[in-house]
Amino acid sequence: MAGIELINVHKQYVVDERPVKVLNGISLKIPEKHITVILGRSGCGKTTAGRVINCLTKPTQGQVLFEGKDLFQMSKAEMK
């Protein structure tokens, strides 16, 4: 069961010419065929983590693996 794996993922945005860290080295495994819930207070990075997992934004650093392959290196055909 490979599923999805985040390895040391960082995400940083620039707001008013200042870097803002949103994700700071998160790692997690979401096994195939499992439901996973990410909980946390407002502004802790839940939405950004979801956007990274769904390929809507690239991480600044780290890897996102899907079935053992780097999600951001895969073609759309491989993702189906």
Protein backbone atom coordinates (compact mmCIF):
# COMPACT_ATOMS: atom_id res chain seq x y z
CA MET A 1 0.00 0.00 0.00
CA ALA A 2 1.85 3.05 -1.21
CA GLY A 3 -0.71 5.87 -1.15
CA ILE A 4 0.57 9.43 -0.77
CA GLU A 5 3.64 10.49 1.18
CA LEU A 6 4.90 13.97 2.04
CA ILE A 7 8.58 14.09 2.90
CA ASN A 8 9.98 17.20 4.63
CA VAL A 9 7.63 19.53 2.70
CA HIS A 10 8.10 23.27 3.03
CA LYS A 11 6.00 26.00 1.41
CA GLN A 12 6.81 29.68 1.49
CA TYR A 13 4.94 32.59 -0.07
CA VAL A 14 6.12 36.16 -0.51
CA VAL A 15 3.73 38.77 0.90
CA ASP A 16 4.64 42.47 0.70
CA GLU A 17 8.18 41.46 -0.32
CA ARG A 18 8.56 39.36 2.85
CA PRO A 19 8.79 35.57 2.96
CA VAL A 20 6.00 33.86 4.90
CA LYS A 21 6.51 30.21 5.88
CA VAL A 22 3.27 28.27 5.67
CA LEU A 23 4.55 24.69 5.87
CA ASN A 24 7.76 23.99 7.73
CA GLY A 25 9.07 20.48 7.08
CA ILE A 26 5.91 18.39 7.34
CA SER A 27 6.09 14.66 6.70
CA LEU A 28 3.17 12.25 6.63
CA LYS A 29 1.94 9.07 4.99
CA ILE A 30 -1.61 8.60 3.76
CA PRO A 31 -2.10 4.89 3.06
CA GLU A 32 -4.03 3.80 -0.01
CA LYS A 33 -7.78 3.31 0.58
CA HIS A 34 -7.74 5.18 3.90
CA ILE A 35 -9.59 8.33 4.89
CA THR A 36 -7.30 10.86 6.53
CA VAL A 37 -8.33 14.05 8.29
CA ILE A 38 -5.99 16.98 8.89
CA LEU A 39 -7.05 19.07 11.87
CA GLY A 40 -5.64 22.29 13.23
CA ARG A 41 -6.39 25.87 14.10
CA SER A 42 -6.94 28.60 11.55
CA GLY A 43 -3.81 29.56 9.63
CA CYS A 44 -1.76 26.45 10.47
CA GLY A 45 -1.35 25.30 6.83
CA LYS A 46 -4.14 22.73 6.35
CA THR A 47 -5.36 24.25 3.09
CA THR A 48 -1.83 24.70 1.75
CA ALA A 49 -1.03 21.06 2.54
CA GLY A 50 -4.17 20.04 0.66
CA ARG A 51 -3.22 22.23 -2.30
CA VAL A 52 0.24 20.61 -2.40
CA ILE A 53 -1.25 17.09 -2.22
CA ASN A 54 -3.67 17.95 -5.07
CA CYS A 55 -0.91 19.50 -7.25
CA LEU A 56 -2.47 22.96 -7.12
CA THR A 57 0.75 24.45 -5.76
CA LYS A 58 4.34 23.18 -5.72
CA PRO A 59 6.19 22.88 -2.45
CA THR A 60 9.14 25.22 -1.98
CA GLN A 61 11.15 22.22 -0.78
CA GLY A 62 10.55 18.52 -0.15
CA GLN A 63 8.83 15.72 -2.02
CA VAL A 64 5.28 14.53 -2.54
CA LEU A 65 5.12 10.88 -3.59
CA PHE A 66 2.16 9.06 -5.10
CA GLU A 67 2.60 5.31 -5.28
CA GLY A 68 6.32 5.87 -4.74
CA LYS A 69 6.74 8.36 -7.61
CA ASP A 70 7.36 12.10 -7.29
CA LEU A 71 3.97 13.67 -7.94
CA PHE A 72 5.43 16.80 -9.53
CA GLN A 73 7.58 14.78 -11.95
CA MET A 74 4.72 12.58 -13.19
CA SER A 75 2.80 13.20 -16.39
CA LYS A 76 -0.98 13.60 -16.24
CA ALA A 77 -1.37 10.20 -17.93
CA GLU A 78 0.62 8.55 -15.11
CA MET A 79 -1.63 10.13 -12.47
CA LYS A 80 -4.78 8.38 -13.71
